[in-house]
Amino acid sequence: MFDVNRKLTIREKVKILLLSRGISMRKLVKQINEKKGVDHRHTNLSRKLVKNTIRYAEVEEIAELLDYEIVFKDKRKK
């Protein structure tokens, strides 16, 4: 059973963003590779998401490529 109150992992959040844009992990990595001029495999990104070792800068890059922004919201303000 899925607990609707549990906090999503970064892997789950990225997967939701990918689904919302209709983009696969492979296509995302291809876009990152083209932007940076490198040749990384999609398994590298998948591994980082599973192990929760992805850097914030990489998450920012993913958000940018998917046309999202990361927003910090003060939880004390209602």
PDB file of N, CA and C in Angstrom:
ATOM      1  N   MET A   1       0.837  -1.179   0.000  1.00  0.00           N
ATOM      2  CA  MET A   1       0.000   0.000   0.000  1.00  0.00           C
ATOM      3  C   MET A   1       0.882   1.242   0.000  1.00  0.00           C
ATOM      4  N   PHE A   2       0.478   2.257  -0.720  1.00  0.00           N
ATOM      5  CA  PHE A   2       1.241   3.496  -0.834  1.00  0.00           C
ATOM      6  C   PHE A   2       0.808   4.478   0.247  1.00  0.00           C
ATOM      7  N   ASP A   3       1.764   4.974   0.996  1.00  0.00           N
ATOM      8  CA  ASP A   3       1.505   5.957   2.048  1.00  0.00           C
ATOM      9  C   ASP A   3       1.545   7.361   1.437  1.00  0.00           C
ATOM     10  N   VAL A   4       0.401   8.000   1.309  1.00  0.00           N
ATOM     11  CA  VAL A   4       0.328   9.320   0.674  1.00  0.00           C
ATOM     12  C   VAL A   4       1.023  10.405   1.488  1.00  0.00           C
ATOM     13  N   ASN A   5       1.279  10.142   2.755  1.00  0.00           N
ATOM     14  CA  ASN A   5       1.912  11.137   3.620  1.00  0.00           C
ATOM     15  C   ASN A   5       3.431  11.019   3.673  1.00  0.00           C
ATOM     16  N   ARG A   6       3.969   9.959   3.071  1.00  0.00           N
ATOM     17  CA  ARG A   6       5.419   9.787   3.152  1.00  0.00           C
ATOM     18  C   ARG A   6       6.111  10.722   2.175  1.00  0.00           C
ATOM     19  N   LYS A   7       7.309  11.103   2.534  1.00  0.00           N
ATOM     20  CA  LYS A   7       8.101  12.018   1.712  1.00  0.00           C
ATOM     21  C   LYS A   7       8.655  11.252   0.511  1.00  0.00           C
ATOM     22  N   LEU A   8       8.542  11.849  -0.678  1.00  0.00           N
ATOM     23  CA  LEU A   8       9.069  11.217  -1.886  1.00  0.00           C
ATOM     24  C   LEU A   8      10.584  11.302  -1.918  1.00  0.00           C
ATOM     25  N   THR A   9      11.224  10.278  -2.480  1.00  0.00           N
ATOM     26  CA  THR A   9      12.673  10.304  -2.657  1.00  0.00           C
ATOM     27  C   THR A   9      12.999  11.162  -3.874  1.00  0.00           C
ATOM     28  N   ILE A  10      14.238  11.563  -3.997  1.00  0.00           N
ATOM     29  CA  ILE A  10      14.657  12.344  -5.161  1.00  0.00           C
ATOM     30  C   ILE A  10      14.432  11.532  -6.428  1.00  0.00           C
ATOM     31  N   ARG A  11      14.643  10.233  -6.364  1.00  0.00           N
ATOM     32  CA  ARG A  11      14.413   9.359  -7.520  1.00  0.00           C
ATOM     33  C   ARG A  11      12.949   9.433  -7.961  1.00  0.00           C
ATOM     34  N   GLU A  12      12.049   9.344  -6.997  1.00  0.00           N
ATOM     35  CA  GLU A  12      10.615   9.412  -7.312  1.00  0.00           C
ATOM     36  C   GLU A  12      10.235  10.779  -7.879  1.00  0.00           C
ATOM     37  N   LYS A  13      10.806  11.826  -7.320  1.00  0.00           N
ATOM     38  CA  LYS A  13      10.506  13.178  -7.804  1.00  0.00           C
ATOM     39  C   LYS A  13      10.982  13.365  -9.244  1.00  0.00           C
ATOM     40  N   VAL A  14      12.192  12.908  -9.535  1.00  0.00           N
ATOM     41  CA  VAL A  14      12.720  13.035 -10.894  1.00  0.00           C
ATOM     42  C   VAL A  14      11.881  12.217 -11.863  1.00  0.00           C
ATOM     43  N   LYS A  15      11.485  11.014 -11.453  1.00  0.00           N
ATOM     44  CA  LYS A  15      10.649  10.181 -12.324  1.00  0.00           C
ATOM     45  C   LYS A  15       9.310  10.864 -12.628  1.00  0.00           C
ATOM     46  N   ILE A  16       8.734  11.515 -11.645  1.00  0.00           N
ATOM     47  CA  ILE A  16       7.470  12.234 -11.843  1.00  0.00           C
ATOM     48  C   ILE A  16       7.671  13.371 -12.840  1.00  0.00           C
ATOM     49  N   LEU A  17       8.787  14.103 -12.697  1.00  0.00           N
ATOM     50  CA  LEU A  17       9.069  15.194 -13.622  1.00  0.00           C
ATOM     51  C   LEU A  17       9.269  14.669 -15.042  1.00  0.00           C
ATOM     52  N   LEU A  18       9.988  13.564 -15.170  1.00  0.00           N
ATOM     53  CA  LEU A  18      10.200  12.962 -16.484  1.00  0.00           C
ATOM     54  C   LEU A  18       8.879  12.536 -17.107  1.00  0.00           C
ATOM     55  N   LEU A  19       8.046  11.895 -16.309  1.00  0.00           N
ATOM     56  CA  LEU A  19       6.730  11.470 -16.815  1.00  0.00           C
ATOM     57  C   LEU A  19       5.889  12.666 -17.250  1.00  0.00           C
ATOM     58  N   SER A  20       5.945  13.733 -16.479  1.00  0.00           N
ATOM     59  CA  SER A  20       5.135  14.913 -16.803  1.00  0.00           C
ATOM     60  C   SER A  20       5.575  15.555 -18.122  1.00  0.00           C
ATOM     61  N   ARG A  21       6.824  15.351 -18.506  1.00  0.00           N
ATOM     62  CA  ARG A  21       7.340  15.904 -19.760  1.00  0.00           C
ATOM     63  C   ARG A  21       7.372  14.861 -20.882  1.00  0.00           C
ATOM     64  N   GLY A  22       7.037  13.611 -20.549  1.00  0.00           N
ATOM     65  CA  GLY A  22       7.044  12.553 -21.552  1.00  0.00           C
ATOM     66  C   GLY A  22       8.440  12.220 -22.047  1.00  0.00           C
ATOM     67  N   ILE A  23       9.411  12.314 -21.141  1.00  0.00           N
ATOM     68  CA  ILE A  23      10.814  12.082 -21.490  1.00  0.00           C
ATOM     69  C   ILE A  23      11.341  10.876 -20.712  1.00  0.00           C
ATOM     70  N   SER A  24      12.103  10.044 -21.368  1.00  0.00           N
ATOM     71  CA  SER A  24      12.716   8.895 -20.702  1.00  0.00           C
ATOM     72  C   SER A  24      14.025   9.322 -20.044  1.00  0.00           C
ATOM     73  N   MET A  25      14.516   8.475 -19.166  1.00  0.00           N
ATOM     74  CA  MET A  25      15.801   8.720 -18.510  1.00  0.00           C
ATOM     75  C   MET A  25      16.912   8.770 -19.558  1.00  0.00           C
ATOM     76  N   ARG A  26      16.841   7.890 -20.538  1.00  0.00           N
ATOM     77  CA  ARG A  26      17.852   7.860 -21.604  1.00  0.00           C
ATOM     78  C   ARG A  26      17.888   9.192 -22.366  1.00  0.00           C
ATOM     79  N   LYS A  27      16.703   9.709 -22.700  1.00  0.00           N
ATOM     80  CA  LYS A  27      16.629  10.963 -23.443  1.00  0.00           C
ATOM     81  C   LYS A  27      17.164  12.119 -22.605  1.00  0.00           C
ATOM     82  N   LEU A  28      16.839  12.124 -21.311  1.00  0.00           N
ATOM     83  CA  LEU A  28      17.346  13.163 -20.417  1.00  0.00           C
ATOM     84  C   LEU A  28      18.874  13.134 -20.390  1.00  0.00           C
ATOM     85  N   VAL A  29      19.445  11.953 -20.238  1.00  0.00           N
ATOM     86  CA  VAL A  29      20.904  11.823 -20.185  1.00  0.00           C
ATOM     87  C   VAL A  29      21.518  12.248 -21.523  1.00  0.00           C
ATOM     88  N   LYS A  30      20.849  11.928 -22.618  1.00  0.00           N
ATOM     89  CA  LYS A  30      21.332  12.362 -23.931  1.00  0.00           C
ATOM     90  C   LYS A  30      21.377  13.885 -24.003  1.00  0.00           C
ATOM     91  N   GLN A  31      20.351  14.550 -23.478  1.00  0.00           N
ATOM     92  CA  GLN A  31      20.320  16.019 -23.458  1.00  0.00           C
ATOM     93  C   GLN A  31      21.436  16.584 -22.577  1.00  0.00           C
ATOM     94  N   ILE A  32      21.654  15.961 -21.431  1.00  0.00           N
ATOM     95  CA  ILE A  32      22.738  16.398 -20.531  1.00  0.00           C
ATOM     96  C   ILE A  32      24.080  16.235 -21.242  1.00  0.00           C
ATOM     97  N   ASN A  33      24.272  15.080 -21.888  1.00  0.00           N
ATOM     98  CA  ASN A  33      25.526  14.818 -22.606  1.00  0.00           C
ATOM     99  C   ASN A  33      25.770  15.845 -23.703  1.00  0.00           C
ATOM    100  N   GLU A  34      24.714  16.156 -24.464  1.00  0.00           N
ATOM    101  CA  GLU A  34      24.856  17.134 -25.545  1.00  0.00           C
ATOM    102  C   GLU A  34      25.191  18.514 -24.997  1.00  0.00           C
ATOM    103  N   LYS A  35      24.552  18.873 -23.887  1.00  0.00           N
ATOM    104  CA  LYS A  35      24.790  20.193 -23.284  1.00  0.00           C
ATOM    105  C   LYS A  35      26.222  20.309 -22.769  1.00  0.00           C
ATOM    106  N   LYS A  36      26.716  19.235 -22.154  1.00  0.00           N
ATOM    107  CA  LYS A  36      28.038  19.274 -21.530  1.00  0.00           C
ATOM    108  C   LYS A  36      29.158  18.786 -22.437  1.00  0.00           C
ATOM    109  N   GLY A  37      28.811  18.154 -23.550  1.00  0.00           N
ATOM    110  CA  GLY A  37      29.837  17.599 -24.424  1.00  0.00           C
ATOM    111  C   GLY A  37      30.536  16.397 -23.819  1.00  0.00           C
ATOM    112  N   VAL A  38      29.764  15.581 -23.097  1.00  0.00           N
ATOM    113  CA  VAL A  38      30.312  14.376 -22.466  1.00  0.00           C
ATOM    114  C   VAL A  38      29.542  13.158 -22.962  1.00  0.00           C
ATOM    115  N   ASP A  39      29.935  11.983 -22.496  1.00  0.00           N
ATOM    116  CA  ASP A  39      29.274  10.753 -22.914  1.00  0.00           C
ATOM    117  C   ASP A  39      29.023   9.852 -21.703  1.00  0.00           C
ATOM    118  N   HIS A  40      28.078  10.239 -20.864  1.00  0.00           N
ATOM    119  CA  HIS A  40      27.715   9.430 -19.699  1.00  0.00           C
ATOM    120  C   HIS A  40      26.552   8.525 -20.060  1.00  0.00           C
ATOM    121  N   ARG A  41      26.446   7.416 -19.388  1.00  0.00           N
ATOM    122  CA  ARG A  41      25.346   6.478 -19.619  1.00  0.00           C
ATOM    123  C   ARG A  41      24.183   6.795 -18.676  1.00  0.00           C
ATOM    124  N   HIS A  42      22.990   6.422 -19.102  1.00  0.00           N
ATOM    125  CA  HIS A  42      21.816   6.666 -18.263  1.00  0.00           C
ATOM    126  C   HIS A  42      21.890   5.881 -16.965  1.00  0.00           C
ATOM    127  N   THR A  43      22.640   4.770 -16.974  1.00  0.00           N
ATOM    128  CA  THR A  43      22.752   3.973 -15.755  1.00  0.00           C
ATOM    129  C   THR A  43      23.484   4.740 -14.651  1.00  0.00           C
ATOM    130  N   ASN A  44      24.383   5.641 -15.027  1.00  0.00           N
ATOM    131  CA  ASN A  44      25.086   6.447 -14.019  1.00  0.00           C
ATOM    132  C   ASN A  44      24.099   7.316 -13.251  1.00  0.00           C
ATOM    133  N   LEU A  45      23.205   7.979 -13.984  1.00  0.00           N
ATOM    134  CA  LEU A  45      22.202   8.826 -13.338  1.00  0.00           C
ATOM    135  C   LEU A  45      21.238   7.980 -12.516  1.00  0.00           C
ATOM    136  N   SER A  46      20.808   6.867 -13.059  1.00  0.00           N
ATOM    137  CA  SER A  46      19.899   5.974 -12.326  1.00  0.00           C
ATOM    138  C   SER A  46      20.521   5.522 -11.013  1.00  0.00           C
ATOM    139  N   ARG A  47      21.798   5.160 -11.069  1.00  0.00           N
ATOM    140  CA  ARG A  47      22.498   4.692  -9.866  1.00  0.00           C
ATOM    141  C   ARG A  47      22.554   5.801  -8.815  1.00  0.00           C
ATOM    142  N   LYS A  48      22.848   7.022  -9.255  1.00  0.00           N
ATOM    143  CA  LYS A  48      22.909   8.148  -8.311  1.00  0.00           C
ATOM    144  C   LYS A  48      21.547   8.395  -7.665  1.00  0.00           C
ATOM    145  N   LEU A  49      20.487   8.257  -8.447  1.00  0.00           N
ATOM    146  CA  LEU A  49      19.140   8.466  -7.906  1.00  0.00           C
ATOM    147  C   LEU A  49      18.765   7.358  -6.925  1.00  0.00           C
ATOM    148  N   VAL A  50      19.094   6.124  -7.260  1.00  0.00           N
ATOM    149  CA  VAL A  50      18.774   5.000  -6.375  1.00  0.00           C
ATOM    150  C   VAL A  50      19.553   5.103  -5.063  1.00  0.00           C
ATOM    151  N   LYS A  51      20.840   5.438  -5.168  1.00  0.00           N
ATOM    152  CA  LYS A  51      21.690   5.513  -3.978  1.00  0.00           C
ATOM    153  C   LYS A  51      21.593   6.848  -3.252  1.00  0.00           C
ATOM    154  N   ASN A  52      20.815   7.778  -3.842  1.00  0.00           N
ATOM    155  CA  ASN A  52      20.642   9.104  -3.261  1.00  0.00           C
ATOM    156  C   ASN A  52      21.974   9.835  -3.110  1.00  0.00           C
ATOM    157  N   THR A  53      22.816   9.729  -4.149  1.00  0.00           N
ATOM    158  CA  THR A  53      24.125  10.383  -4.127  1.00  0.00           C
ATOM    159  C   THR A  53      24.232  11.482  -5.176  1.00  0.00           C
ATOM    160  N   ILE A  54      23.106  11.862  -5.756  1.00  0.00           N
ATOM    161  CA  ILE A  54      23.105  12.907  -6.779  1.00  0.00           C
ATOM    162  C   ILE A  54      23.399  14.258  -6.139  1.00  0.00           C
ATOM    163  N   ARG A  55      24.202  15.060  -6.822  1.00  0.00           N
ATOM    164  CA  ARG A  55      24.562  16.382  -6.299  1.00  0.00           C
ATOM    165  C   ARG A  55      23.449  17.380  -6.605  1.00  0.00           C
ATOM    166  N   TYR A  56      23.363  18.404  -5.782  1.00  0.00           N
ATOM    167  CA  TYR A  56      22.345  19.434  -5.966  1.00  0.00           C
ATOM    168  C   TYR A  56      22.488  20.088  -7.336  1.00  0.00           C
ATOM    169  N   ALA A  57      23.710  20.334  -7.763  1.00  0.00           N
ATOM    170  CA  ALA A  57      23.951  20.964  -9.066  1.00  0.00           C
ATOM    171  C   ALA A  57      23.375  20.097 -10.197  1.00  0.00           C
ATOM    172  N   GLU A  58      23.443  18.782 -10.041  1.00  0.00           N
ATOM    173  CA  GLU A  58      22.878  17.883 -11.051  1.00  0.00           C
ATOM    174  C   GLU A  58      21.356  17.953 -11.054  1.00  0.00           C
ATOM    175  N   VAL A  59      20.771  18.077  -9.888  1.00  0.00           N
ATOM    176  CA  VAL A  59      19.315  18.221  -9.787  1.00  0.00           C
ATOM    177  C   VAL A  59      18.889  19.541 -10.420  1.00  0.00           C
ATOM    178  N   GLU A  60      19.658  20.598 -10.181  1.00  0.00           N
ATOM    179  CA  GLU A  60      19.366  21.889 -10.809  1.00  0.00           C
ATOM    180  C   GLU A  60      19.415  21.782 -12.333  1.00  0.00           C
ATOM    181  N   GLU A  61      20.399  21.065 -12.819  1.00  0.00           N
ATOM    182  CA  GLU A  61      20.548  20.884 -14.267  1.00  0.00           C
ATOM    183  C   GLU A  61      19.361  20.113 -14.858  1.00  0.00           C
ATOM    184  N   ILE A  62      18.927  19.081 -14.162  1.00  0.00           N
ATOM    185  CA  ILE A  62      17.767  18.310 -14.601  1.00  0.00           C
ATOM    186  C   ILE A  62      16.535  19.204 -14.631  1.00  0.00           C
ATOM    187  N   ALA A  63      16.338  19.958 -13.575  1.00  0.00           N
ATOM    188  CA  ALA A  63      15.184  20.863 -13.507  1.00  0.00           C
ATOM    189  C   ALA A  63      15.221  21.856 -14.666  1.00  0.00           C
ATOM    190  N   GLU A  64      16.374  22.406 -14.941  1.00  0.00           N
ATOM    191  CA  GLU A  64      16.525  23.373 -16.025  1.00  0.00           C
ATOM    192  C   GLU A  64      16.201  22.733 -17.377  1.00  0.00           C
ATOM    193  N   LEU A  65      16.727  21.553 -17.633  1.00  0.00           N
ATOM    194  CA  LEU A  65      16.468  20.877 -18.901  1.00  0.00           C
ATOM    195  C   LEU A  65      14.990  20.526 -19.086  1.00  0.00           C
ATOM    196  N   LEU A  66      14.310  20.266 -17.962  1.00  0.00           N
ATOM    197  CA  LEU A  66      12.895  19.911 -18.030  1.00  0.00           C
ATOM    198  C   LEU A  66      11.994  21.135 -17.892  1.00  0.00           C
ATOM    199  N   ASP A  67      12.605  22.303 -17.842  1.00  0.00           N
ATOM    200  CA  ASP A  67      11.895  23.574 -17.742  1.00  0.00           C
ATOM    201  C   ASP A  67      11.101  23.703 -16.431  1.00  0.00           C
ATOM    202  N   TYR A  68      11.760  23.330 -15.347  1.00  0.00           N
ATOM    203  CA  TYR A  68      11.222  23.512 -13.999  1.00  0.00           C
ATOM    204  C   TYR A  68      12.180  24.391 -13.218  1.00  0.00           C
ATOM    205  N   GLU A  69      11.695  24.926 -12.106  1.00  0.00           N
ATOM    206  CA  GLU A  69      12.566  25.650 -11.200  1.00  0.00           C
ATOM    207  C   GLU A  69      12.424  25.038  -9.809  1.00  0.00           C
ATOM    208  N   ILE A  70      13.489  25.113  -9.049  1.00  0.00           N
ATOM    209  CA  ILE A  70      13.482  24.621  -7.674  1.00  0.00           C
ATOM    210  C   ILE A  70      13.176  25.815  -6.780  1.00  0.00           C
ATOM    211  N   VAL A  71      12.199  25.647  -5.904  1.00  0.00           N
ATOM    212  CA  VAL A  71      11.762  26.744  -5.045  1.00  0.00           C
ATOM    213  C   VAL A  71      11.857  26.297  -3.590  1.00  0.00           C
ATOM    214  N   PHE A  72      12.451  27.146  -2.775  1.00  0.00           N
ATOM    215  CA  PHE A  72      12.478  26.914  -1.337  1.00  0.00           C
ATOM    216  C   PHE A  72      11.365  27.741  -0.726  1.00  0.00           C
ATOM    217  N   LYS A  73      10.542  27.102   0.071  1.00  0.00           N
ATOM    218  CA  LYS A  73       9.383  27.765   0.657  1.00  0.00           C
ATOM    219  C   LYS A  73       9.512  27.736   2.178  1.00  0.00           C
ATOM    220  N   ASP A  74       9.322  28.880   2.786  1.00  0.00           N
ATOM    221  CA  ASP A  74       9.391  28.984   4.249  1.00  0.00           C
ATOM    222  C   ASP A  74       8.143  28.299   4.832  1.00  0.00           C
ATOM    223  N   LYS A  75       8.357  27.216   5.537  1.00  0.00           N
ATOM    224  CA  LYS A  75       7.236  26.449   6.103  1.00  0.00           C
ATOM    225  C   LYS A  75       6.609  27.149   7.288  1.00  0.00           C
ATOM    226  N   ARG A  76       7.299  28.124   7.836  1.00  0.00           N
ATOM    227  CA  ARG A  76       6.741  28.851   8.976  1.00  0.00           C
ATOM    228  C   ARG A  76       5.682  29.847   8.559  1.00  0.00           C
ATOM    229  N   LYS A  77       5.728  30.268   7.305  1.00  0.00           N
ATOM    230  CA  LYS A  77       4.735  31.229   6.804  1.00  0.00           C
ATOM    231  C   LYS A  77       3.576  30.457   6.196  1.00  0.00           C
ATOM    232  N   LYS A  78       2.408  30.803   6.604  1.00  0.00           N
ATOM    233  CA  LYS A  78       1.189  30.113   6.107  1.00  0.00           C
ATOM    234  C   LYS A  78       0.518  30.924   5.048  1.00  0.00           C
TER     235      LYS A  78
END
